[in-house]
């Protein structure tokens, strides 16, 4: 799964929207770090635009490969389910490996 980060700039009544980045979602911690870093990098620009009286805002949307919006709740559930499946598969693999090892000895 990938998520798209959409940057919307507001200037008066006009609005422009561009997709600025795409990342693979591996876990929610990585996603939080990426968003925090991006917002920190934009902080100075946002303050300058605000001082000059221009409307400036950031809207971040998560989208799938087909550009359909993913709610944060659904994203969390998808990540959690994937992690649980990986844990189960890993445990199963270890259990099978242990049985095979014991059987060979």
Protein backbone atom coordinates (compact mmCIF):
# COMPACT_ATOMS: atom_id res chain seq x y z
CA UNK A 1 0.00 0.00 0.00
CA UNK A 2 1.18 3.53 -0.69
CA UNK A 3 -0.08 6.80 0.70
CA UNK A 4 -0.04 10.08 -1.13
CA UNK A 5 0.59 13.36 0.63
CA UNK A 6 -1.42 16.16 -0.94
CA UNK A 7 -0.30 19.74 -0.31
CA UNK A 8 -3.01 22.37 -0.71
CA UNK A 9 -2.05 26.02 -0.79
CA UNK A 10 -4.73 28.57 -0.08
CA UNK A 11 -4.25 32.11 -1.39
CA UNK A 12 -7.32 34.29 -1.14
CA UNK A 13 -10.22 32.52 -2.81
CA UNK A 14 -8.02 30.42 -5.07
CA UNK A 15 -6.81 26.99 -4.15
CA UNK A 16 -4.12 24.91 -5.80
CA UNK A 17 -3.48 21.29 -5.01
CA UNK A 18 -0.43 19.20 -5.91
CA UNK A 19 0.69 15.75 -4.86
CA UNK A 20 4.15 16.19 -3.42
CA UNK A 21 5.17 12.74 -2.27
CA UNK A 22 4.37 9.05 -2.14
CA UNK A 23 5.68 6.63 0.43
CA UNK A 24 5.16 2.98 1.23
CA UNK A 25 3.27 2.52 4.48
CA UNK A 26 5.28 0.15 6.65
CA UNK A 27 4.11 1.18 10.09
CA UNK A 28 2.36 4.09 11.74
CA UNK A 29 5.50 5.30 13.57
CA UNK A 30 7.29 5.91 10.26
CA UNK A 31 4.26 7.74 8.91
CA UNK A 32 4.13 9.99 11.99
CA UNK A 33 7.86 10.80 11.67
CA UNK A 34 7.55 11.70 7.99
CA UNK A 35 4.58 14.00 8.63
CA UNK A 36 6.25 15.66 11.64
CA UNK A 37 9.44 16.29 9.65
CA UNK A 38 7.51 17.76 6.73
CA UNK A 39 5.50 20.10 8.97
CA UNK A 40 8.63 21.20 10.84
CA UNK A 41 10.34 22.04 7.54
CA UNK A 42 7.34 24.16 6.47
CA UNK A 43 6.95 26.01 9.79
CA UNK A 44 9.06 29.06 8.83
CA UNK A 45 7.31 29.45 5.47
CA UNK A 46 3.90 29.21 7.15
CA UNK A 47 4.81 31.93 9.67
CA UNK A 48 6.04 34.24 6.88
CA UNK A 49 2.88 33.76 4.81
CA UNK A 50 0.73 34.43 7.88
CA UNK A 51 2.63 37.67 8.68
CA UNK A 52 2.06 38.87 5.12
CA UNK A 53 -1.67 38.22 5.46
CA UNK A 54 -1.87 35.53 2.83
CA UNK A 55 -3.98 32.49 3.45
CA UNK A 56 -1.78 29.42 3.59
CA UNK A 57 -2.73 25.99 4.78
CA UNK A 58 -1.71 22.40 4.61
CA UNK A 59 -4.10 19.54 4.08
CA UNK A 60 -2.75 16.03 4.12
CA UNK A 61 -4.80 13.21 2.67
CA UNK A 62 -3.94 9.56 2.53
CA UNK A 63 -4.83 7.86 -0.74
CA UNK A 64 -4.45 4.37 -2.14
CA UNK A 65 -2.96 3.42 -5.50
CA UNK A 66 -6.25 4.36 -7.24
CA UNK A 67 -6.31 7.85 -5.61
CA UNK A 68 -9.20 6.88 -3.29
CA UNK A 69 -9.01 8.58 0.09
CA UNK A 70 -8.16 6.38 3.09
CA UNK A 71 -9.42 7.46 6.49
CA UNK A 72 -6.87 7.43 9.30
CA UNK A 73 -9.01 4.93 11.20
CA UNK A 74 -9.04 2.54 8.24
CA UNK A 75 -5.31 3.02 7.71
CA UNK A 76 -4.60 2.15 11.35
CA UNK A 77 -6.76 -0.97 11.06
CA UNK A 78 -5.00 -2.04 7.85
CA UNK A 79 -1.55 -1.56 9.39
CA UNK A 80 -2.55 -3.35 12.60
CA UNK A 81 -4.03 -6.29 10.68
CA UNK A 82 -0.90 -6.60 8.52
CA UNK A 83 1.34 -6.59 11.60
CA UNK A 84 -0.82 -9.24 13.27
CA UNK A 85 -0.68 -11.43 10.14
CA UNK A 86 3.11 -11.08 10.02
CA UNK A 87 3.41 -12.04 13.70
CA UNK A 88 1.19 -15.09 13.19
CA UNK A 89 3.10 -16.17 10.09
CA UNK A 90 6.46 -15.70 11.83
CA UNK A 91 5.32 -17.72 14.83
CA UNK A 92 4.04 -20.45 12.53
CA UNK A 93 7.31 -20.50 10.57
CA UNK A 94 9.33 -20.76 13.77
CA UNK A 95 7.10 -23.53 15.07
CA UNK A 96 7.47 -25.50 11.82
CA UNK A 97 11.24 -24.95 11.86
CA UNK A 98 11.45 -26.18 15.44
CA UNK A 99 9.43 -29.30 14.65
CA UNK A 100 11.60 -30.06 11.60
CA UNK A 101 14.79 -29.51 13.60
CA UNK A 102 13.60 -31.78 16.38
CA UNK A 103 12.52 -34.41 13.87
CA UNK A 104 15.93 -34.41 12.17
CA UNK A 105 17.86 -34.84 15.42
